PDB file of N, CA and C in Angstrom:
ATOM      1  N   UNK A   1      99.781  94.298  89.519  1.00  0.00           N
ATOM      2  CA  UNK A   1     101.151  94.197  89.982  1.00  0.00           C
ATOM      3  C   UNK A   1     101.899  93.126  89.199  1.00  0.00           C
ATOM      4  N   UNK A   2     101.209  92.049  88.888  1.00  0.00           N
ATOM      5  CA  UNK A   2     101.848  90.957  88.162  1.00  0.00           C
ATOM      6  C   UNK A   2     102.403  91.449  86.829  1.00  0.00           C
ATOM      7  N   UNK A   3     101.615  92.268  86.119  1.00  0.00           N
ATOM      8  CA  UNK A   3     102.063  92.784  84.829  1.00  0.00           C
ATOM      9  C   UNK A   3     103.296  93.673  84.982  1.00  0.00           C
ATOM     10  N   UNK A   4     103.394  94.366  86.111  1.00  0.00           N
ATOM     11  CA  UNK A   4     104.529  95.258  86.325  1.00  0.00           C
ATOM     12  C   UNK A   4     105.849  94.491  86.337  1.00  0.00           C
ATOM     13  N   UNK A   5     105.847  93.266  86.843  1.00  0.00           N
ATOM     14  CA  UNK A   5     107.065  92.457  86.821  1.00  0.00           C
ATOM     15  C   UNK A   5     107.493  92.148  85.389  1.00  0.00           C
ATOM     16  N   UNK A   6     106.510  91.954  84.518  1.00  0.00           N
ATOM     17  CA  UNK A   6     106.817  91.666  83.121  1.00  0.00           C
ATOM     18  C   UNK A   6     107.247  92.925  82.379  1.00  0.00           C
ATOM     19  N   UNK A   7     106.577  94.047  82.664  1.00  0.00           N
ATOM     20  CA  UNK A   7     106.772  95.273  81.907  1.00  0.00           C
ATOM     21  C   UNK A   7     107.919  96.147  82.400  1.00  0.00           C
ATOM     22  N   UNK A   8     108.272  96.039  83.671  1.00  0.00           N
ATOM     23  CA  UNK A   8     109.235  96.967  84.259  1.00  0.00           C
ATOM     24  C   UNK A   8     110.444  96.211  84.807  1.00  0.00           C
ATOM     25  N   UNK A   9     111.556  96.273  84.089  1.00  0.00           N
ATOM     26  CA  UNK A   9     112.768  95.571  84.548  1.00  0.00           C
ATOM     27  C   UNK A   9     113.212  96.006  85.945  1.00  0.00           C
ATOM     28  N   UNK A  10     112.976  97.269  86.295  1.00  0.00           N
ATOM     29  CA  UNK A  10     113.384  97.766  87.610  1.00  0.00           C
ATOM     30  C   UNK A  10     112.675  97.017  88.736  1.00  0.00           C
ATOM     31  N   UNK A  11     111.398  96.671  88.541  1.00  0.00           N
ATOM     32  CA  UNK A  11     110.664  95.904  89.553  1.00  0.00           C
ATOM     33  C   UNK A  11     111.272  94.517  89.727  1.00  0.00           C
ATOM     34  N   UNK A  12     111.610  93.871  88.602  1.00  0.00           N
ATOM     35  CA  UNK A  12     112.235  92.544  88.688  1.00  0.00           C
ATOM     36  C   UNK A  12     113.583  92.636  89.400  1.00  0.00           C
ATOM     37  N   UNK A  13     114.337  93.680  89.100  1.00  0.00           N
ATOM     38  CA  UNK A  13     115.637  93.853  89.742  1.00  0.00           C
ATOM     39  C   UNK A  13     115.466  94.074  91.244  1.00  0.00           C
ATOM     40  N   UNK A  14     114.502  94.930  91.622  1.00  0.00           N
ATOM     41  CA  UNK A  14     114.253  95.202  93.030  1.00  0.00           C
ATOM     42  C   UNK A  14     113.860  93.930  93.770  1.00  0.00           C
ATOM     43  N   UNK A  15     113.028  93.113  93.154  1.00  0.00           N
ATOM     44  CA  UNK A  15     112.571  91.865  93.773  1.00  0.00           C
ATOM     45  C   UNK A  15     113.584  90.735  93.611  1.00  0.00           C
ATOM     46  N   UNK A  16     114.721  91.055  93.009  1.00  0.00           N
ATOM     47  CA  UNK A  16     115.801  90.088  92.758  1.00  0.00           C
ATOM     48  C   UNK A  16     115.303  88.885  91.970  1.00  0.00           C
ATOM     49  N   UNK A  17     114.508  89.182  90.922  1.00  0.00           N
ATOM     50  CA  UNK A  17     114.013  88.152  90.025  1.00  0.00           C
ATOM     51  C   UNK A  17     114.773  88.261  88.712  1.00  0.00           C
ATOM     52  N   UNK A  18     115.368  87.172  88.281  1.00  0.00           N
ATOM     53  CA  UNK A  18     116.082  87.158  87.012  1.00  0.00           C
ATOM     54  C   UNK A  18     115.106  87.325  85.862  1.00  0.00           C
ATOM     55  N   UNK A  19     115.651  87.777  84.758  1.00  0.00           N
ATOM     56  CA  UNK A  19     114.852  87.964  83.553  1.00  0.00           C
ATOM     57  C   UNK A  19     114.190  86.657  83.125  1.00  0.00           C
ATOM     58  N   UNK A  20     114.856  85.545  83.353  1.00  0.00           N
ATOM     59  CA  UNK A  20     114.365  84.263  82.870  1.00  0.00           C
ATOM     60  C   UNK A  20     113.741  83.401  83.969  1.00  0.00           C
ATOM     61  N   UNK A  21     113.680  83.922  85.187  1.00  0.00           N
ATOM     62  CA  UNK A  21     113.092  83.122  86.270  1.00  0.00           C
ATOM     63  C   UNK A  21     111.572  83.195  86.206  1.00  0.00           C
ATOM     64  N   UNK A  22     110.941  82.253  86.879  1.00  0.00           N
ATOM     65  CA  UNK A  22     109.476  82.221  86.940  1.00  0.00           C
ATOM     66  C   UNK A  22     109.010  83.364  87.830  1.00  0.00           C
ATOM     67  N   UNK A  23     108.140  84.214  87.289  1.00  0.00           N
ATOM     68  CA  UNK A  23     107.652  85.368  88.027  1.00  0.00           C
ATOM     69  C   UNK A  23     106.412  84.989  88.833  1.00  0.00           C
ATOM     70  N   UNK A  24     106.207  85.631  89.998  1.00  0.00           N
ATOM     71  CA  UNK A  24     105.037  85.306  90.814  1.00  0.00           C
ATOM     72  C   UNK A  24     103.748  85.717  90.113  1.00  0.00           C
ATOM     73  N   UNK A  25     102.704  84.909  90.287  1.00  0.00           N
ATOM     74  CA  UNK A  25     101.410  85.238  89.710  1.00  0.00           C
ATOM     75  C   UNK A  25     100.615  86.102  90.691  1.00  0.00           C
ATOM     76  N   UNK A  26      99.467  86.590  90.259  1.00  0.00           N
ATOM     77  CA  UNK A  26      98.676  87.499  91.079  1.00  0.00           C
ATOM     78  C   UNK A  26      98.272  86.906  92.428  1.00  0.00           C
ATOM     79  N   UNK A  27      97.779  85.658  92.497  1.00  0.00           N
ATOM     80  CA  UNK A  27      97.422  85.109  93.819  1.00  0.00           C
ATOM     81  C   UNK A  27      98.615  85.053  94.789  1.00  0.00           C
ATOM     82  N   UNK A  28      99.793  84.760  94.272  1.00  0.00           N
ATOM     83  CA  UNK A  28     100.984  84.713  95.127  1.00  0.00           C
ATOM     84  C   UNK A  28     101.306  86.098  95.669  1.00  0.00           C
ATOM     85  N   UNK A  29     101.234  87.106  94.798  1.00  0.00           N
ATOM     86  CA  UNK A  29     101.503  88.481  95.229  1.00  0.00           C
ATOM     87  C   UNK A  29     100.479  88.915  96.268  1.00  0.00           C
ATOM     88  N   UNK A  30      99.201  88.582  96.056  1.00  0.00           N
ATOM     89  CA  UNK A  30      98.164  88.957  97.019  1.00  0.00           C
ATOM     90  C   UNK A  30      98.337  88.253  98.356  1.00  0.00           C
ATOM     91  N   UNK A  31      98.707  86.968  98.339  1.00  0.00           N
ATOM     92  CA  UNK A  31      98.974  86.259  99.609  1.00  0.00           C
ATOM     93  C   UNK A  31     100.105  86.946 100.369  1.00  0.00           C
ATOM     94  N   UNK A  32     101.144  87.340  99.647  1.00  0.00           N
ATOM     95  CA  UNK A  32     102.272  88.033 100.276  1.00  0.00           C
ATOM     96  C   UNK A  32     101.796  89.353 100.903  1.00  0.00           C
ATOM     97  N   UNK A  33     101.009  90.121 100.153  1.00  0.00           N
ATOM     98  CA  UNK A  33     100.501  91.393 100.683  1.00  0.00           C
ATOM     99  C   UNK A  33      99.623  91.183 101.908  1.00  0.00           C
ATOM    100  N   UNK A  34      98.782  90.153 101.872  1.00  0.00           N
ATOM    101  CA  UNK A  34      97.907  89.878 103.019  1.00  0.00           C
ATOM    102  C   UNK A  34      98.714  89.460 104.249  1.00  0.00           C
ATOM    103  N   UNK A  35      99.782  88.718 104.040  1.00  0.00           N
ATOM    104  CA  UNK A  35     100.630  88.343 105.188  1.00  0.00           C
ATOM    105  C   UNK A  35     101.327  89.563 105.778  1.00  0.00           C
ATOM    106  N   UNK A  36     101.769  90.483 104.905  1.00  0.00           N
ATOM    107  CA  UNK A  36     102.353  91.725 105.403  1.00  0.00           C
ATOM    108  C   UNK A  36     101.345  92.480 106.259  1.00  0.00           C
ATOM    109  N   UNK A  37     100.112  92.567 105.777  1.00  0.00           N
ATOM    110  CA  UNK A  37      99.060  93.258 106.527  1.00  0.00           C
ATOM    111  C   UNK A  37      98.741  92.542 107.840  1.00  0.00           C
ATOM    112  N   UNK A  38      98.588  91.229 107.779  1.00  0.00           N
ATOM    113  CA  UNK A  38      98.214  90.440 108.949  1.00  0.00           C
ATOM    114  C   UNK A  38      99.216  90.614 110.092  1.00  0.00           C
ATOM    115  N   UNK A  39     100.482  90.630 109.753  1.00  0.00           N
ATOM    116  CA  UNK A  39     101.535  90.723 110.774  1.00  0.00           C
ATOM    117  C   UNK A  39     102.065  92.143 110.952  1.00  0.00           C
ATOM    118  N   UNK A  40     101.375  93.111 110.309  1.00  0.00           N
ATOM    119  CA  UNK A  40     101.733  94.532 110.409  1.00  0.00           C
ATOM    120  C   UNK A  40     103.205  94.775 110.039  1.00  0.00           C
ATOM    121  N   UNK A  41     103.685  94.026 109.060  1.00  0.00           N
ATOM    122  CA  UNK A  41     105.080  94.156 108.647  1.00  0.00           C
ATOM    123  C   UNK A  41     105.299  95.294 107.658  1.00  0.00           C
ATOM    124  N   UNK A  42     104.284  95.651 106.883  1.00  0.00           N
ATOM    125  CA  UNK A  42     104.443  96.721 105.901  1.00  0.00           C
ATOM    126  C   UNK A  42     104.826  98.026 106.588  1.00  0.00           C
ATOM    127  N   UNK A  43     104.177  98.327 107.702  1.00  0.00           N
ATOM    128  CA  UNK A  43     104.479  99.554 108.444  1.00  0.00           C
ATOM    129  C   UNK A  43     105.914  99.533 108.963  1.00  0.00           C
ATOM    130  N   UNK A  44     106.355  98.390 109.485  1.00  0.00           N
ATOM    131  CA  UNK A  44     107.712  98.284 110.008  1.00  0.00           C
ATOM    132  C   UNK A  44     108.754  98.402 108.891  1.00  0.00           C
ATOM    133  N   UNK A  45     108.494  97.751 107.767  1.00  0.00           N
ATOM    134  CA  UNK A  45     109.423  97.810 106.641  1.00  0.00           C
ATOM    135  C   UNK A  45     109.511  99.239 106.112  1.00  0.00           C
ATOM    136  N   UNK A  46     108.363  99.888 105.944  1.00  0.00           N
ATOM    137  CA  UNK A  46     108.344 101.253 105.444  1.00  0.00           C
ATOM    138  C   UNK A  46     109.069 102.197 106.398  1.00  0.00           C
ATOM    139  N   UNK A  47     108.873 102.026 107.693  1.00  0.00           N
ATOM    140  CA  UNK A  47     109.562 102.870 108.678  1.00  0.00           C
ATOM    141  C   UNK A  47     111.075 102.665 108.602  1.00  0.00           C
ATOM    142  N   UNK A  48     111.517 101.423 108.434  1.00  0.00           N
ATOM    143  CA  UNK A  48     112.943 101.129 108.328  1.00  0.00           C
ATOM    144  C   UNK A  48     113.539 101.748 107.065  1.00  0.00           C
ATOM    145  N   UNK A  49     112.840 101.589 105.954  1.00  0.00           N
ATOM    146  CA  UNK A  49     113.325 102.165 104.688  1.00  0.00           C
ATOM    147  C   UNK A  49     113.381 103.684 104.795  1.00  0.00           C
ATOM    148  N   UNK A  50     112.328 104.307 105.332  1.00  0.00           N
ATOM    149  CA  UNK A  50     112.315 105.761 105.488  1.00  0.00           C
ATOM    150  C   UNK A  50     113.448 106.242 106.385  1.00  0.00           C
ATOM    151  N   UNK A  51     113.716 105.508 107.462  1.00  0.00           N
ATOM    152  CA  UNK A  51     114.804 105.890 108.364  1.00  0.00           C
ATOM    153  C   UNK A  51     116.154 105.812 107.649  1.00  0.00           C
ATOM    154  N   UNK A  52     116.369 104.750 106.884  1.00  0.00           N
ATOM    155  CA  UNK A  52     117.627 104.619 106.139  1.00  0.00           C
ATOM    156  C   UNK A  52     117.782 105.724 105.092  1.00  0.00           C
ATOM    157  N   UNK A  53     116.715 106.021 104.401  1.00  0.00           N
ATOM    158  CA  UNK A  53     116.769 107.086 103.395  1.00  0.00           C
ATOM    159  C   UNK A  53     117.019 108.444 104.044  1.00  0.00           C
ATOM    160  N   UNK A  54     116.391 108.686 105.190  1.00  0.00           N
ATOM    161  CA  UNK A  54     116.592 109.941 105.901  1.00  0.00           C
ATOM    162  C   UNK A  54     118.031 110.074 106.374  1.00  0.00           C
ATOM    163  N   UNK A  55     118.603 109.000 106.920  1.00  0.00           N
ATOM    164  CA  UNK A  55     119.997 109.012 107.369  1.00  0.00           C
ATOM    165  C   UNK A  55     120.954 109.363 106.236  1.00  0.00           C
ATOM    166  N   UNK A  56     120.623 108.905 105.047  1.00  0.00           N
ATOM    167  CA  UNK A  56     121.496 109.136 103.890  1.00  0.00           C
ATOM    168  C   UNK A  56     121.135 110.411 103.127  1.00  0.00           C
ATOM    169  N   UNK A  57     120.140 111.139 103.617  1.00  0.00           N
ATOM    170  CA  UNK A  57     119.714 112.367 102.961  1.00  0.00           C
ATOM    171  C   UNK A  57     119.032 112.134 101.624  1.00  0.00           C
ATOM    172  N   UNK A  58     118.397 110.981 101.473  1.00  0.00           N
ATOM    173  CA  UNK A  58     117.785 110.630 100.202  1.00  0.00           C
ATOM    174  C   UNK A  58     116.263 110.721 100.204  1.00  0.00           C
ATOM    175  N   UNK A  59     115.663 110.980 101.352  1.00  0.00           N
ATOM    176  CA  UNK A  59     114.211 111.068 101.426  1.00  0.00           C
ATOM    177  C   UNK A  59     113.811 112.456 100.960  1.00  0.00           C
ATOM    178  N   UNK A  60     113.102 112.525  99.828  1.00  0.00           N
ATOM    179  CA  UNK A  60     112.804 113.803  99.200  1.00  0.00           C
ATOM    180  C   UNK A  60     111.499 114.423  99.638  1.00  0.00           C
ATOM    181  N   UNK A  61     110.574 113.629 100.121  1.00  0.00           N
ATOM    182  CA  UNK A  61     109.279 114.160 100.549  1.00  0.00           C
ATOM    183  C   UNK A  61     108.823 113.412 101.789  1.00  0.00           C
ATOM    184  N   UNK A  62     107.719 113.849 102.343  1.00  0.00           N
ATOM    185  CA  UNK A  62     107.177 113.206 103.538  1.00  0.00           C
ATOM    186  C   UNK A  62     106.920 111.731 103.253  1.00  0.00           C
ATOM    187  N   UNK A  63     107.117 110.923 104.248  1.00  0.00           N
ATOM    188  CA  UNK A  63     106.932 109.476 104.101  1.00  0.00           C
ATOM    189  C   UNK A  63     105.478 109.158 103.793  1.00  0.00           C
ATOM    190  N   UNK A  64     105.268 108.202 102.913  1.00  0.00           N
ATOM    191  CA  UNK A  64     103.908 107.759 102.639  1.00  0.00           C
ATOM    192  C   UNK A  64     103.520 106.731 103.692  1.00  0.00           C
ATOM    193  N   UNK A  65     102.251 106.660 103.957  1.00  0.00           N
ATOM    194  CA  UNK A  65     101.801 105.726 104.985  1.00  0.00           C
ATOM    195  C   UNK A  65     101.734 104.313 104.423  1.00  0.00           C
ATOM    196  N   UNK A  66     101.857 103.348 105.287  1.00  0.00           N
ATOM    197  CA  UNK A  66     101.800 101.950 104.877  1.00  0.00           C
ATOM    198  C   UNK A  66     100.427 101.616 104.311  1.00  0.00           C
ATOM    199  N   UNK A  67      99.381 102.263 104.827  1.00  0.00           N
ATOM    200  CA  UNK A  67      98.039 101.974 104.303  1.00  0.00           C
ATOM    201  C   UNK A  67      97.911 102.429 102.857  1.00  0.00           C
ATOM    202  N   UNK A  68      98.507 103.563 102.510  1.00  0.00           N
ATOM    203  CA  UNK A  68      98.485 104.013 101.118  1.00  0.00           C
ATOM    204  C   UNK A  68      99.307 103.076 100.252  1.00  0.00           C
ATOM    205  N   UNK A  69     100.449 102.654 100.757  1.00  0.00           N
ATOM    206  CA  UNK A  69     101.302 101.735 100.009  1.00  0.00           C
ATOM    207  C   UNK A  69     100.583 100.404  99.810  1.00  0.00           C
ATOM    208  N   UNK A  70     100.007  99.868 100.863  1.00  0.00           N
ATOM    209  CA  UNK A  70      99.300  98.600 100.769  1.00  0.00           C
ATOM    210  C   UNK A  70      98.113  98.684  99.841  1.00  0.00           C
ATOM    211  N   UNK A  71      97.406  99.803  99.873  1.00  0.00           N
ATOM    212  CA  UNK A  71      96.256  99.974  98.999  1.00  0.00           C
ATOM    213  C   UNK A  71      96.634  99.964  97.536  1.00  0.00           C
ATOM    214  N   UNK A  72      97.822 100.464  97.224  1.00  0.00           N
ATOM    215  CA  UNK A  72      98.226 100.502  95.821  1.00  0.00           C
ATOM    216  C   UNK A  72      98.611  99.121  95.318  1.00  0.00           C
ATOM    217  N   UNK A  73      98.861  98.179  96.221  1.00  0.00           N
ATOM    218  CA  UNK A  73      99.260  96.849  95.808  1.00  0.00           C
ATOM    219  C   UNK A  73      98.080  95.894  95.678  1.00  0.00           C
ATOM    220  N   UNK A  74      96.939  96.286  96.191  1.00  0.00           N
ATOM    221  CA  UNK A  74      95.798  95.378  96.176  1.00  0.00           C
ATOM    222  C   UNK A  74      95.140  95.376  94.806  1.00  0.00           C
ATOM    223  N   UNK A  75      94.687  94.226  94.421  1.00  0.00           N
ATOM    224  CA  UNK A  75      94.047  94.060  93.118  1.00  0.00           C
ATOM    225  C   UNK A  75      92.815  94.942  92.996  1.00  0.00           C
ATOM    226  N   UNK A  76      92.704  95.635  91.881  1.00  0.00           N
ATOM    227  CA  UNK A  76      91.528  96.439  91.607  1.00  0.00           C
ATOM    228  C   UNK A  76      91.491  97.769  92.317  1.00  0.00           C
ATOM    229  N   UNK A  77      92.532  98.152  93.018  1.00  0.00           N
ATOM    230  CA  UNK A  77      92.488  99.411  93.745  1.00  0.00           C
ATOM    231  C   UNK A  77      92.803 100.604  92.860  1.00  0.00           C
ATOM    232  N   UNK A  78      93.371 100.364  91.692  1.00  0.00           N
ATOM    233  CA  UNK A  78      93.679 101.446  90.774  1.00  0.00           C
ATOM    234  C   UNK A  78      92.694 101.384  89.629  1.00  0.00           C
ATOM    235  N   UNK A  79      91.892 102.421  89.508  1.00  0.00           N
ATOM    236  CA  UNK A  79      90.875 102.423  88.458  1.00  0.00           C
ATOM    237  C   UNK A  79      91.432 103.071  87.202  1.00  0.00           C
ATOM    238  N   UNK A  80      91.026 102.596  86.047  1.00  0.00           N
ATOM    239  CA  UNK A  80      91.506 103.185  84.801  1.00  0.00           C
ATOM    240  C   UNK A  80      90.929 104.583  84.617  1.00  0.00           C
ATOM    241  N   UNK A  81      91.643 105.415  83.895  1.00  0.00           N
ATOM    242  CA  UNK A  81      91.187 106.774  83.613  1.00  0.00           C
ATOM    243  C   UNK A  81      90.017 106.706  82.637  1.00  0.00           C
ATOM    244  N   UNK A  82      89.034 107.541  82.894  1.00  0.00           N
ATOM    245  CA  UNK A  82      87.899 107.667  81.994  1.00  0.00           C
ATOM    246  C   UNK A  82      87.766 109.109  81.559  1.00  0.00           C
ATOM    247  N   UNK A  83      86.849 109.386  80.665  1.00  0.00           N
ATOM    248  CA  UNK A  83      86.646 110.751  80.196  1.00  0.00           C
ATOM    249  C   UNK A  83      86.162 111.660  81.315  1.00  0.00           C
ATOM    250  N   UNK A  84      85.511 111.085  82.324  1.00  0.00           N
ATOM    251  CA  UNK A  84      84.973 111.878  83.427  1.00  0.00           C
ATOM    252  C   UNK A  84      86.047 112.321  84.406  1.00  0.00           C
ATOM    253  N   UNK A  85      87.201 111.641  84.436  1.00  0.00           N
ATOM    254  CA  UNK A  85      88.259 111.957  85.417  1.00  0.00           C
ATOM    255  C   UNK A  85      89.061 113.136  84.989  1.00  0.00           C
TER     256      UNK A  85
END
């Protein structure tokens, strides 16, 4: 996730991080994700975003679950492609 802030301007814009500001490191991002999980905030945030998108007719597919979203943010959860995949 840390690399995504460097590589993808859209992520920095979404997180309201300036091009020249200090970007969060991996431990900071993981602490944030763990706090979201601990207080069950990811599910609430996702439900709010989905509701707003639905109201505006912008939700194109079924809502993803917070557990899938949280899993994609955890370190090491995305494995690189190999010849076997």
